[in-house]
Structures are given as structure tokens and as C-alpha cells.
Amino acid sequence: MKGAFCLPAGGFYFGEGGAKMKVGIIGAGLVGSAMALKLYRRQGYELKIIASRSVAKAEALAARVGAVAGTSREVVKTCELVLIATPDRVIEPLVSQLAADCYEGQVLAHFSGSLAAEIMAPVRLRGAQCLSLHPLQAFASLETAVAALDGTHFTVEGDRTELGCQLVKDLGGIPHRLDPERKVLYHAAACFASNYLVVLAAVATDLLERSGFGAEDGLAALLPLMRGTLANLETVGLPQALTGPIARGETAVVGAQAHNMPPEYLPLYRQLGSLAVALAAAKKTIGEAEKTKLLELLQSKAEGES
């Protein structure tokens, strides 16, 4: 059997005879590059081949981690652990093309937050196994991504979750086993916390500009407030981090904001405000009477509003 795995005392996975585990990476973007650099700086992993649609990117990354650039097929034929760091839409067709070159005991892992490991099921016909690892992190640049992996929470699901959890720990992360049937909700949570935070910043910036702030000043003015809110979330948690007029039960302020809200933002303001009322009630800073008044105010549509 080619590429059997064991877990030695040091916590690293090795192949037969105690040899270092041979790792190949398909995809030399931010995620693939961050994983490669992190593993290269850890003992116990031997990076062999880097493949990418961009040969130049593959060669540049390979030079940094002591590997060689090659094709995706060469990665699968050579490496015991294949890390697939491509866009989500590429994973299924790519694995279908490469499945015939897989072998017994081999492990293929992708980093998609929305797709389950099951998307790579064809490799099982050759005796290989599937894993999915997803870092709950937003990567903006390579060096910050490498540094951010320490302490990042990962989800792990698939055939070899014990291997996946160990790999996450070796990357400096914190693993969480996940039910693949609930992965869509997990990914939606990540979108709310990261992607939609950017959307909310864009809305708030636009409102500041409409209030008279210069186009260059809006986001700069909001960032300290947003950092302060994140710090509050870290120190006091939910729902205690909620502040503002709804947390204080100030119906007159909320009514004025709703009355003056640009039409395109009013449904969002109403929906988020209603959710904020529930948090304020949980925080116990408003009573039932204030909760009812706020909800009536937020949920009642103005005359002429569709």
C-alpha cells in the first residue's frame, strides 16, 4: 500500500518507514501560498510540488518553500497529501480529472467554506480519502495571511478528521469538526461576519457623506468606532456589546432616523433595528413596553411605502 499514515509522538503525520509526509499544493493564490509557507516553517512536512494555472506563481511559491513547480497531475501522482486551494467552482471538475491518478491511502483536502468534502468522492474509487478544511479568516495579503493563521478557527469534515485536526493545529489554527450537512449555515455565518461587515461599512460611509463628510473622510471616521465595537465584543461579548439608541430605548431617535433614512436603506434599517431590539431585551436595558414601542415603530411602514 502506497502512503500509509501514522501519528508519531511529535504530532506530525509521516508515510511508511517514518519518512516525511510528501505534500503537494494545487493553487498558488493567497490561501494556497499561506498554507505552503506555514507548513514549510513547521517541521515534519515535505513540500514537493506546487501547481497553479499561473506557472509563474507556482514557480515563485515553489522557490520559497523548497519545492518544484509542476502540473496538478504530477501533484496527485507524487504526493500523499494533496491540498487543493483553488476557487470553489474548480474543485469538482479538477478532482474528476485527477481521480484516476489517485491511490490507496492518499488524502486530498480542499479549503472551501461552502463545499463539503463529498464533492471529491470520485477519488474514493481509487482508495484515496477526502477532507475539507476551512479557515474562518479573511486573507488580504500573503504575509498577513501567514501571520493570521495562528489562532484562526478552522472547520474540519470528511474521511480523515483526525488528520485534518492535526494539520490545522500544525498550521497554528484551532480545529472544529463540522457536520457537512450544516456547512451552508456555517458559511453564511462567515459571510455575515466578514463580507456583510464590509457592506455595512459601505452603507455607513454613504450615510456619512450624505450628512456632509468628505468622500475621503467617511471610512476613516468610522474605523475607530468599528474597532471599538469589535473590542467590546471581545471583552464583554453578546449581548452586552450592543450600544446605541435601541439599547437605550430611545424611540424618538429611532423614529427620526427611520423618517430620514434614504429609501434604499430603509428596509435594511428596519430589519437590523428589529434584531437589535431583541438583543437589547436580552441585555435587559429595555423593558417590555419599550420593546413593543420600538418594534411597532420599526415594523410599521410609512404612508406611501411599498
C-alpha atoms as a PDB file:
ATOM      1  CA  MET A   1       0.000   0.000   0.000  1.00  0.00           C
ATOM      2  CA  LYS A   2       1.417   3.370  -1.020  1.00  0.00           C
ATOM      3  CA  GLY A   3       1.443   6.168   1.559  1.00  0.00           C
ATOM      4  CA  ALA A   4       0.090   4.710   4.816  1.00  0.00           C
ATOM      5  CA  PHE A   5      -0.113   7.250   7.623  1.00  0.00           C
ATOM      6  CA  CYS A   6       0.683   7.176  11.314  1.00  0.00           C
ATOM      7  CA  LEU A   7       0.825   9.835  14.011  1.00  0.00           C
ATOM      8  CA  PRO A   8       4.194   9.962  15.768  1.00  0.00           C
ATOM      9  CA  ALA A   9       4.775  11.468  19.185  1.00  0.00           C
ATOM     10  CA  GLY A  10       5.697  14.855  17.727  1.00  0.00           C
ATOM     11  CA  GLY A  11       2.230  15.291  16.277  1.00  0.00           C
ATOM     12  CA  PHE A  12       3.178  15.150  12.593  1.00  0.00           C
ATOM     13  CA  TYR A  13       1.962  12.650  10.029  1.00  0.00           C
ATOM     14  CA  PHE A  14       4.521  10.558   8.206  1.00  0.00           C
ATOM     15  CA  GLY A  15       4.424   7.947   5.500  1.00  0.00           C
ATOM     16  CA  GLU A  16       5.628   4.367   5.664  1.00  0.00           C
ATOM     17  CA  GLY A  17       9.024   3.786   7.247  1.00  0.00           C
ATOM     18  CA  GLY A  18       8.918   7.064   9.151  1.00  0.00           C
ATOM     19  CA  ALA A  19       9.548   9.156   6.014  1.00  0.00           C
ATOM     20  CA  LYS A  20       8.324  12.719   5.983  1.00  0.00           C
ATOM     21  CA  MET A  21       4.857  13.105   4.519  1.00  0.00           C
ATOM     22  CA  LYS A  22       5.017  14.385   0.949  1.00  0.00           C
ATOM     23  CA  VAL A  23       2.718  17.341   0.437  1.00  0.00           C
ATOM     24  CA  GLY A  24       1.598  18.888  -2.837  1.00  0.00           C
ATOM     25  CA  ILE A  25      -0.464  22.025  -3.328  1.00  0.00           C
ATOM     26  CA  ILE A  26      -2.752  22.826  -6.232  1.00  0.00           C
ATOM     27  CA  GLY A  27      -3.403  26.553  -6.338  1.00  0.00           C
ATOM     28  CA  ALA A  28      -0.827  29.255  -5.636  1.00  0.00           C
ATOM     29  CA  GLY A  29      -3.173  32.075  -4.669  1.00  0.00           C
ATOM     30  CA  LEU A  30      -3.373  33.653  -1.218  1.00  0.00           C
ATOM     31  CA  VAL A  31      -4.771  30.590   0.573  1.00  0.00           C
ATOM     32  CA  GLY A  32      -2.509  28.030  -1.097  1.00  0.00           C
ATOM     33  CA  SER A  33       0.551  30.201  -0.645  1.00  0.00           C
ATOM     34  CA  ALA A  34      -0.221  30.892   3.022  1.00  0.00           C
ATOM     35  CA  MET A  35      -0.656  27.182   3.721  1.00  0.00           C
ATOM     36  CA  ALA A  36       2.561  26.328   1.886  1.00  0.00           C
ATOM     37  CA  LEU A  37       4.630  28.922   3.738  1.00  0.00           C
ATOM     38  CA  LYS A  38       3.188  27.934   7.091  1.00  0.00           C
ATOM     39  CA  LEU A  39       3.883  24.227   6.576  1.00  0.00           C
ATOM     40  CA  TYR A  40       7.357  24.985   5.241  1.00  0.00           C
ATOM     41  CA  ARG A  41       8.137  26.765   8.503  1.00  0.00           C
ATOM     42  CA  ARG A  42       6.925  23.782  10.518  1.00  0.00           C
ATOM     43  CA  GLN A  43       8.904  20.564  10.981  1.00  0.00           C
ATOM     44  CA  GLY A  44       7.582  17.317   9.637  1.00  0.00           C
ATOM     45  CA  TYR A  45       6.148  18.288   6.255  1.00  0.00           C
ATOM     46  CA  GLU A  46       7.994  17.932   2.976  1.00  0.00           C
ATOM     47  CA  LEU A  47       6.569  20.175   0.262  1.00  0.00           C
ATOM     48  CA  LYS A  48       7.229  18.520  -3.071  1.00  0.00           C
ATOM     49  CA  ILE A  49       5.228  20.096  -5.901  1.00  0.00           C
ATOM     50  CA  ILE A  50       3.248  23.307  -6.395  1.00  0.00           C
ATOM     51  CA  ALA A  51       0.783  23.524  -9.276  1.00  0.00           C
ATOM     52  CA  SER A  52      -1.159  26.543 -10.465  1.00  0.00           C
ATOM     53  CA  ARG A  53      -2.886  27.911 -13.557  1.00  0.00           C
ATOM     54  CA  SER A  54      -0.137  30.543 -13.445  1.00  0.00           C
ATOM     55  CA  VAL A  55       3.202  28.801 -13.953  1.00  0.00           C
ATOM     56  CA  ALA A  56       4.979  31.942 -12.743  1.00  0.00           C
ATOM     57  CA  LYS A  57       3.076  31.874  -9.440  1.00  0.00           C
ATOM     58  CA  ALA A  58       3.765  28.168  -8.985  1.00  0.00           C
ATOM     59  CA  GLU A  59       7.474  28.658  -9.643  1.00  0.00           C
ATOM     60  CA  ALA A  60       7.712  31.657  -7.304  1.00  0.00           C
ATOM     61  CA  LEU A  61       5.993  29.832  -4.450  1.00  0.00           C
ATOM     62  CA  ALA A  62       7.937  26.617  -5.047  1.00  0.00           C
ATOM     63  CA  ALA A  63      11.204  28.543  -4.786  1.00  0.00           C
ATOM     64  CA  ARG A  64      10.165  29.893  -1.375  1.00  0.00           C
ATOM     65  CA  VAL A  65       9.254  26.506   0.115  1.00  0.00           C
ATOM     66  CA  GLY A  66      11.912  24.209  -1.330  1.00  0.00           C
ATOM     67  CA  ALA A  67       9.523  22.546  -3.790  1.00  0.00           C
ATOM     68  CA  VAL A  68       9.295  22.375  -7.567  1.00  0.00           C
ATOM     69  CA  ALA A  69       6.581  23.652  -9.872  1.00  0.00           C
ATOM     70  CA  GLY A  70       4.599  21.041 -11.729  1.00  0.00           C
ATOM     71  CA  THR A  71       1.198  20.049 -13.029  1.00  0.00           C
ATOM     72  CA  SER A  72      -1.848  19.100 -10.989  1.00  0.00           C
ATOM     73  CA  ARG A  73      -1.485  15.550 -12.242  1.00  0.00           C
ATOM     74  CA  GLU A  74       2.124  15.415 -11.059  1.00  0.00           C
ATOM     75  CA  VAL A  75       0.995  16.595  -7.628  1.00  0.00           C
ATOM     76  CA  VAL A  76      -1.559  13.800  -7.356  1.00  0.00           C
ATOM     77  CA  LYS A  77       0.784  11.116  -8.666  1.00  0.00           C
ATOM     78  CA  THR A  78       3.626  12.114  -6.330  1.00  0.00           C
ATOM     79  CA  CYS A  79       2.159  13.406  -3.064  1.00  0.00           C
ATOM     80  CA  GLU A  80       0.499  11.625  -0.157  1.00  0.00           C
ATOM     81  CA  LEU A  81      -1.343  14.738   0.987  1.00  0.00           C
ATOM     82  CA  VAL A  82      -2.808  16.927  -1.753  1.00  0.00           C
ATOM     83  CA  LEU A  83      -4.036  20.354  -0.677  1.00  0.00           C
ATOM     84  CA  ILE A  84      -6.446  21.903  -3.179  1.00  0.00           C
ATOM     85  CA  ALA A  85      -6.572  25.692  -2.819  1.00  0.00           C
ATOM     86  CA  THR A  86      -8.452  26.609  -5.980  1.00  0.00           C
ATOM     87  CA  PRO A  87     -11.689  28.599  -6.391  1.00  0.00           C
ATOM     88  CA  ASP A  88     -14.749  26.572  -5.366  1.00  0.00           C
ATOM     89  CA  ARG A  89     -16.043  26.235  -8.930  1.00  0.00           C
ATOM     90  CA  VAL A  90     -12.836  24.484  -9.981  1.00  0.00           C
ATOM     91  CA  ILE A  91     -12.718  21.778  -7.308  1.00  0.00           C
ATOM     92  CA  GLU A  92     -15.269  19.259  -8.619  1.00  0.00           C
ATOM     93  CA  PRO A  93     -14.156  19.216 -12.289  1.00  0.00           C
ATOM     94  CA  LEU A  94     -10.493  19.225 -11.265  1.00  0.00           C
ATOM     95  CA  VAL A  95     -10.884  16.241  -8.946  1.00  0.00           C
ATOM     96  CA  SER A  96     -12.900  14.373 -11.571  1.00  0.00           C
ATOM     97  CA  GLN A  97      -9.993  14.791 -13.992  1.00  0.00           C
ATOM     98  CA  LEU A  98      -7.405  13.700 -11.436  1.00  0.00           C
ATOM     99  CA  ALA A  99      -9.269  10.842  -9.731  1.00  0.00           C
ATOM    100  CA  ALA A 100      -7.757   8.153 -11.958  1.00  0.00           C
ATOM    101  CA  ASP A 101      -4.266   9.075 -10.713  1.00  0.00           C
ATOM    102  CA  CYS A 102      -5.161   8.813  -7.014  1.00  0.00           C
ATOM    103  CA  TYR A 103      -4.087   5.827  -4.923  1.00  0.00           C
ATOM    104  CA  GLU A 104      -4.904   3.950  -1.763  1.00  0.00           C
ATOM    105  CA  GLY A 105      -4.081   5.779   1.475  1.00  0.00           C
ATOM    106  CA  GLN A 106      -3.732   9.162  -0.210  1.00  0.00           C
ATOM    107  CA  VAL A 107      -5.637  12.147   1.199  1.00  0.00           C
ATOM    108  CA  LEU A 108      -7.000  15.079  -0.796  1.00  0.00           C
ATOM    109  CA  ALA A 109      -8.129  18.158   1.126  1.00  0.00           C
ATOM    110  CA  HIS A 110      -9.805  21.309  -0.153  1.00  0.00           C
ATOM    111  CA  PHE A 111     -10.222  24.659   1.605  1.00  0.00           C
ATOM    112  CA  SER A 112     -13.748  25.603   0.524  1.00  0.00           C
ATOM    113  CA  GLY A 113     -16.052  27.021   3.168  1.00  0.00           C
ATOM    114  CA  SER A 114     -19.229  26.208   1.227  1.00  0.00           C
ATOM    115  CA  LEU A 115     -18.471  22.814  -0.361  1.00  0.00           C
ATOM    116  CA  ALA A 116     -18.324  19.568   1.584  1.00  0.00           C
ATOM    117  CA  ALA A 117     -15.501  17.061   1.267  1.00  0.00           C
ATOM    118  CA  GLU A 118     -18.035  14.821  -0.502  1.00  0.00           C
ATOM    119  CA  ILE A 119     -17.550  16.912  -3.639  1.00  0.00           C
ATOM    120  CA  MET A 120     -14.321  14.909  -4.121  1.00  0.00           C
ATOM    121  CA  ALA A 121     -15.996  11.489  -3.723  1.00  0.00           C
ATOM    122  CA  PRO A 122     -14.668  10.088  -7.054  1.00  0.00           C
ATOM    123  CA  VAL A 123     -11.201   9.694  -5.502  1.00  0.00           C
ATOM    124  CA  ARG A 124     -12.578   7.066  -3.124  1.00  0.00           C
ATOM    125  CA  LEU A 125     -12.915   4.666  -6.041  1.00  0.00           C
ATOM    126  CA  ARG A 126      -9.106   4.582  -6.104  1.00  0.00           C
ATOM    127  CA  GLY A 127      -8.777   4.148  -2.332  1.00  0.00           C
ATOM    128  CA  ALA A 128      -7.993   7.800  -1.588  1.00  0.00           C
ATOM    129  CA  GLN A 129      -9.796   9.793   1.069  1.00  0.00           C
ATOM    130  CA  CYS A 130     -11.349  13.266   1.207  1.00  0.00           C
ATOM    131  CA  LEU A 131     -11.053  16.138   3.654  1.00  0.00           C
ATOM    132  CA  SER A 132     -12.312  19.679   3.837  1.00  0.00           C
ATOM    133  CA  LEU A 133     -10.549  22.336   5.914  1.00  0.00           C
ATOM    134  CA  HIS A 134     -11.731  25.926   6.020  1.00  0.00           C
ATOM    135  CA  PRO A 135     -10.052  28.819   7.847  1.00  0.00           C
ATOM    136  CA  LEU A 136     -12.555  31.237   9.354  1.00  0.00           C
ATOM    137  CA  GLN A 137     -10.422  34.144   8.280  1.00  0.00           C
ATOM    138  CA  ALA A 138     -10.253  36.885   5.641  1.00  0.00           C
ATOM    139  CA  PHE A 139      -6.939  37.000   3.786  1.00  0.00           C
ATOM    140  CA  ALA A 140      -5.867  40.348   2.314  1.00  0.00           C
ATOM    141  CA  SER A 141      -2.142  39.820   1.667  1.00  0.00           C
ATOM    142  CA  LEU A 142       0.236  36.878   1.820  1.00  0.00           C
ATOM    143  CA  GLU A 143       2.346  37.817   4.822  1.00  0.00           C
ATOM    144  CA  THR A 144      -0.651  38.937   6.880  1.00  0.00           C
ATOM    145  CA  ALA A 145      -2.403  35.697   5.906  1.00  0.00           C
ATOM    146  CA  VAL A 146       0.516  33.603   7.156  1.00  0.00           C
ATOM    147  CA  ALA A 147       0.563  35.504  10.448  1.00  0.00           C
ATOM    148  CA  ALA A 148      -3.233  35.350  10.770  1.00  0.00           C
ATOM    149  CA  LEU A 149      -3.286  31.547  10.657  1.00  0.00           C
ATOM    150  CA  ASP A 150      -2.072  31.432  14.260  1.00  0.00           C
ATOM    151  CA  GLY A 151      -5.216  31.355  16.357  1.00  0.00           C
ATOM    152  CA  THR A 152      -7.587  31.133  13.395  1.00  0.00           C
ATOM    153  CA  HIS A 153     -10.524  28.764  13.844  1.00  0.00           C
ATOM    154  CA  PHE A 154     -10.906  26.073  11.150  1.00  0.00           C
ATOM    155  CA  THR A 155     -13.746  23.712  10.343  1.00  0.00           C
ATOM    156  CA  VAL A 156     -12.841  20.118   9.534  1.00  0.00           C
ATOM    157  CA  GLU A 157     -15.052  17.486   7.918  1.00  0.00           C
ATOM    158  CA  GLY A 158     -14.600  14.439   5.733  1.00  0.00           C
ATOM    159  CA  ASP A 159     -12.981  10.998   5.885  1.00  0.00           C
ATOM    160  CA  ARG A 160      -9.899  11.742   7.995  1.00  0.00           C
ATOM    161  CA  THR A 161     -10.954  14.341  10.523  1.00  0.00           C
ATOM    162  CA  GLU A 162      -8.223  13.305  12.969  1.00  0.00           C
ATOM    163  CA  LEU A 163      -5.623  14.023  10.299  1.00  0.00           C
ATOM    164  CA  GLY A 164      -7.398  17.268   9.409  1.00  0.00           C
ATOM    165  CA  CYS A 165      -7.473  18.418  13.034  1.00  0.00           C
ATOM    166  CA  GLN A 166      -3.775  17.692  13.416  1.00  0.00           C
ATOM    167  CA  LEU A 167      -2.967  19.557  10.221  1.00  0.00           C
ATOM    168  CA  VAL A 168      -4.952  22.560  11.463  1.00  0.00           C
ATOM    169  CA  LYS A 169      -3.013  22.517  14.737  1.00  0.00           C
ATOM    170  CA  ASP A 170       0.259  22.316  12.821  1.00  0.00           C
ATOM    171  CA  LEU A 171      -0.852  25.366  10.843  1.00  0.00           C
ATOM    172  CA  GLY A 172      -1.346  27.179  14.149  1.00  0.00           C
ATOM    173  CA  GLY A 173      -5.135  27.008  13.978  1.00  0.00           C
ATOM    174  CA  ILE A 174      -7.965  25.775  16.184  1.00  0.00           C
ATOM    175  CA  PRO A 175      -9.967  22.888  14.660  1.00  0.00           C
ATOM    176  CA  HIS A 176     -13.722  22.301  14.898  1.00  0.00           C
ATOM    177  CA  ARG A 177     -15.322  19.173  13.485  1.00  0.00           C
ATOM    178  CA  LEU A 178     -18.372  20.127  11.406  1.00  0.00           C
ATOM    179  CA  ASP A 179     -21.440  18.268  10.182  1.00  0.00           C
ATOM    180  CA  PRO A 180     -21.208  18.629   6.376  1.00  0.00           C
ATOM    181  CA  GLU A 181     -24.998  18.913   6.109  1.00  0.00           C
ATOM    182  CA  ARG A 182     -24.814  22.146   8.112  1.00  0.00           C
ATOM    183  CA  LYS A 183     -21.915  23.647   6.220  1.00  0.00           C
ATOM    184  CA  VAL A 184     -24.120  26.070   4.295  1.00  0.00           C
ATOM    185  CA  LEU A 185     -25.175  27.740   7.555  1.00  0.00           C
ATOM    186  CA  TYR A 186     -21.566  27.839   8.730  1.00  0.00           C
ATOM    187  CA  HIS A 187     -20.529  29.585   5.521  1.00  0.00           C
ATOM    188  CA  ALA A 188     -23.451  32.005   5.785  1.00  0.00           C
ATOM    189  CA  ALA A 189     -22.244  32.908   9.286  1.00  0.00           C
ATOM    190  CA  ALA A 190     -18.832  33.728   7.845  1.00  0.00           C
ATOM    191  CA  CYS A 191     -20.464  35.900   5.171  1.00  0.00           C
ATOM    192  CA  PHE A 192     -22.417  37.850   7.784  1.00  0.00           C
ATOM    193  CA  ALA A 193     -19.370  38.407   9.980  1.00  0.00           C
ATOM    194  CA  SER A 194     -16.944  39.314   7.204  1.00  0.00           C
ATOM    195  CA  ASN A 195     -18.479  40.100   3.805  1.00  0.00           C
ATOM    196  CA  TYR A 196     -21.560  41.867   5.120  1.00  0.00           C
ATOM    197  CA  LEU A 197     -19.477  43.824   7.587  1.00  0.00           C
ATOM    198  CA  VAL A 198     -17.870  45.426   4.539  1.00  0.00           C
ATOM    199  CA  VAL A 199     -21.342  46.080   3.094  1.00  0.00           C
ATOM    200  CA  LEU A 200     -22.446  47.740   6.346  1.00  0.00           C
ATOM    201  CA  ALA A 201     -19.293  49.865   6.312  1.00  0.00           C
ATOM    202  CA  ALA A 202     -20.164  50.953   2.770  1.00  0.00           C
ATOM    203  CA  VAL A 203     -23.722  51.892   3.822  1.00  0.00           C
ATOM    204  CA  ALA A 204     -22.496  53.804   6.872  1.00  0.00           C
ATOM    205  CA  THR A 205     -19.858  55.600   4.784  1.00  0.00           C
ATOM    206  CA  ASP A 206     -22.501  56.657   2.267  1.00  0.00           C
ATOM    207  CA  LEU A 207     -24.721  57.991   5.051  1.00  0.00           C
ATOM    208  CA  LEU A 208     -21.791  59.979   6.465  1.00  0.00           C
ATOM    209  CA  GLU A 209     -21.117  61.504   3.056  1.00  0.00           C
ATOM    210  CA  ARG A 210     -24.794  62.474   2.764  1.00  0.00           C
ATOM    211  CA  SER A 211     -24.517  64.100   6.190  1.00  0.00           C
ATOM    212  CA  GLY A 212     -21.637  66.272   4.980  1.00  0.00           C
ATOM    213  CA  PHE A 213     -18.441  64.259   5.428  1.00  0.00           C
ATOM    214  CA  GLY A 214     -15.937  64.362   2.605  1.00  0.00           C
ATOM    215  CA  ALA A 215     -15.659  61.298   0.373  1.00  0.00           C
ATOM    216  CA  GLU A 216     -12.185  60.547   1.758  1.00  0.00           C
ATOM    217  CA  ASP A 217     -13.169  61.020   5.402  1.00  0.00           C
ATOM    218  CA  GLY A 218     -16.159  58.730   5.908  1.00  0.00           C
ATOM    219  CA  LEU A 219     -14.493  55.358   6.262  1.00  0.00           C
ATOM    220  CA  ALA A 220     -11.557  56.812   8.208  1.00  0.00           C
ATOM    221  CA  ALA A 221     -14.022  58.280  10.700  1.00  0.00           C
ATOM    222  CA  LEU A 222     -15.907  55.004  11.083  1.00  0.00           C
ATOM    223  CA  LEU A 223     -12.969  52.639  11.520  1.00  0.00           C
ATOM    224  CA  PRO A 224     -12.150  53.641  15.134  1.00  0.00           C
ATOM    225  CA  LEU A 225     -15.814  53.135  16.012  1.00  0.00           C
ATOM    226  CA  MET A 226     -15.846  49.727  14.348  1.00  0.00           C
ATOM    227  CA  ARG A 227     -12.608  48.704  16.072  1.00  0.00           C
ATOM    228  CA  GLY A 228     -14.072  49.817  19.396  1.00  0.00           C
ATOM    229  CA  THR A 229     -17.173  47.707  18.775  1.00  0.00           C
ATOM    230  CA  LEU A 230     -15.046  44.657  17.947  1.00  0.00           C
ATOM    231  CA  ALA A 231     -13.053  45.240  21.119  1.00  0.00           C
ATOM    232  CA  ASN A 232     -16.303  45.369  23.092  1.00  0.00           C
ATOM    233  CA  LEU A 233     -17.424  42.102  21.516  1.00  0.00           C
ATOM    234  CA  GLU A 234     -14.126  40.540  22.526  1.00  0.00           C
ATOM    235  CA  THR A 235     -14.212  41.796  26.104  1.00  0.00           C
ATOM    236  CA  VAL A 236     -17.907  41.686  27.092  1.00  0.00           C
ATOM    237  CA  GLY A 237     -19.454  39.511  24.362  1.00  0.00           C
ATOM    238  CA  LEU A 238     -23.096  39.290  23.320  1.00  0.00           C
ATOM    239  CA  PRO A 239     -25.486  40.923  24.018  1.00  0.00           C
ATOM    240  CA  GLN A 240     -23.531  43.268  26.302  1.00  0.00           C
ATOM    241  CA  ALA A 241     -21.567  44.841  23.434  1.00  0.00           C
ATOM    242  CA  LEU A 242     -24.742  46.376  21.991  1.00  0.00           C
ATOM    243  CA  THR A 243     -24.869  50.162  22.470  1.00  0.00           C
ATOM    244  CA  GLY A 244     -26.810  52.990  20.830  1.00  0.00           C
ATOM    245  CA  PRO A 245     -30.364  54.357  20.792  1.00  0.00           C
ATOM    246  CA  ILE A 246     -32.137  50.995  20.596  1.00  0.00           C
ATOM    247  CA  ALA A 247     -30.113  49.628  23.512  1.00  0.00           C
ATOM    248  CA  ARG A 248     -31.186  52.729  25.451  1.00  0.00           C
ATOM    249  CA  GLY A 249     -34.827  52.539  24.355  1.00  0.00           C
ATOM    250  CA  GLU A 250     -34.751  55.956  22.643  1.00  0.00           C
ATOM    251  CA  THR A 251     -37.817  55.707  20.410  1.00  0.00           C
ATOM    252  CA  ALA A 252     -37.697  59.356  19.338  1.00  0.00           C
ATOM    253  CA  VAL A 253     -34.159  58.949  17.965  1.00  0.00           C
ATOM    254  CA  VAL A 254     -35.045  55.725  16.151  1.00  0.00           C
ATOM    255  CA  GLY A 255     -38.168  57.345  14.696  1.00  0.00           C
ATOM    256  CA  ALA A 256     -36.170  60.315  13.404  1.00  0.00           C
ATOM    257  CA  GLN A 257     -33.572  58.046  11.831  1.00  0.00           C
ATOM    258  CA  ALA A 258     -36.239  55.954  10.105  1.00  0.00           C
ATOM    259  CA  HIS A 259     -38.019  59.094   8.858  1.00  0.00           C
ATOM    260  CA  ASN A 260     -34.831  60.490   7.317  1.00  0.00           C
ATOM    261  CA  MET A 261     -33.379  57.205   6.036  1.00  0.00           C
ATOM    262  CA  PRO A 262     -32.777  57.044   2.257  1.00  0.00           C
ATOM    263  CA  PRO A 263     -35.416  54.716   0.750  1.00  0.00           C
ATOM    264  CA  GLU A 264     -32.848  52.209  -0.489  1.00  0.00           C
ATOM    265  CA  TYR A 265     -31.572  51.645   3.061  1.00  0.00           C
ATOM    266  CA  LEU A 266     -34.863  51.780   4.962  1.00  0.00           C
ATOM    267  CA  PRO A 267     -35.729  48.032   4.729  1.00  0.00           C
ATOM    268  CA  LEU A 268     -32.227  47.167   5.957  1.00  0.00           C
ATOM    269  CA  TYR A 269     -32.513  49.711   8.790  1.00  0.00           C
ATOM    270  CA  ARG A 270     -35.850  48.256   9.865  1.00  0.00           C
ATOM    271  CA  GLN A 271     -34.630  44.646   9.777  1.00  0.00           C
ATOM    272  CA  LEU A 272     -31.392  45.264  11.650  1.00  0.00           C
ATOM    273  CA  GLY A 273     -33.194  47.502  14.115  1.00  0.00           C
ATOM    274  CA  SER A 274     -35.719  44.780  14.911  1.00  0.00           C
ATOM    275  CA  LEU A 275     -32.886  42.327  15.568  1.00  0.00           C
ATOM    276  CA  ALA A 276     -31.194  44.947  17.749  1.00  0.00           C
ATOM    277  CA  VAL A 277     -34.376  45.221  19.824  1.00  0.00           C
ATOM    278  CA  ALA A 278     -34.142  41.503  20.617  1.00  0.00           C
ATOM    279  CA  LEU A 279     -30.509  41.961  21.707  1.00  0.00           C
ATOM    280  CA  ALA A 280     -31.401  44.979  23.846  1.00  0.00           C
ATOM    281  CA  ALA A 281     -34.134  42.960  25.542  1.00  0.00           C
ATOM    282  CA  ALA A 282     -31.648  40.150  26.200  1.00  0.00           C
ATOM    283  CA  LYS A 283     -29.231  42.728  27.616  1.00  0.00           C
ATOM    284  CA  LYS A 284     -32.083  43.898  29.866  1.00  0.00           C
ATOM    285  CA  THR A 285     -31.570  47.574  29.060  1.00  0.00           C
ATOM    286  CA  ILE A 286     -35.144  47.914  27.777  1.00  0.00           C
ATOM    287  CA  GLY A 287     -38.369  46.616  29.244  1.00  0.00           C
ATOM    288  CA  GLU A 288     -41.378  45.053  27.554  1.00  0.00           C
ATOM    289  CA  ALA A 289     -43.103  48.409  26.997  1.00  0.00           C
ATOM    290  CA  GLU A 290     -40.025  49.902  25.288  1.00  0.00           C
ATOM    291  CA  LYS A 291     -39.523  46.724  23.264  1.00  0.00           C
ATOM    292  CA  THR A 292     -43.109  46.871  21.994  1.00  0.00           C
ATOM    293  CA  LYS A 293     -42.867  50.567  21.072  1.00  0.00           C
ATOM    294  CA  LEU A 294     -39.585  50.082  19.240  1.00  0.00           C
ATOM    295  CA  LEU A 295     -40.859  47.099  17.265  1.00  0.00           C
ATOM    296  CA  GLU A 296     -44.058  48.909  16.313  1.00  0.00           C
ATOM    297  CA  LEU A 297     -42.009  51.872  15.163  1.00  0.00           C
ATOM    298  CA  LEU A 298     -39.583  49.760  13.145  1.00  0.00           C
ATOM    299  CA  GLN A 299     -42.129  47.400  11.639  1.00  0.00           C
ATOM    300  CA  SER A 300     -44.830  49.931  10.701  1.00  0.00           C
ATOM    301  CA  LYS A 301     -44.465  51.261   7.169  1.00  0.00           C
ATOM    302  CA  ALA A 302     -44.730  54.932   6.433  1.00  0.00           C
ATOM    303  CA  GLU A 303     -47.559  56.225   4.234  1.00  0.00           C
ATOM    304  CA  GLY A 304     -46.778  55.507   0.599  1.00  0.00           C
ATOM    305  CA  GLU A 305     -44.053  52.988   1.430  1.00  0.00           C
ATOM    306  CA  SER A 306     -44.385  49.780  -0.594  1.00  0.00           C
END
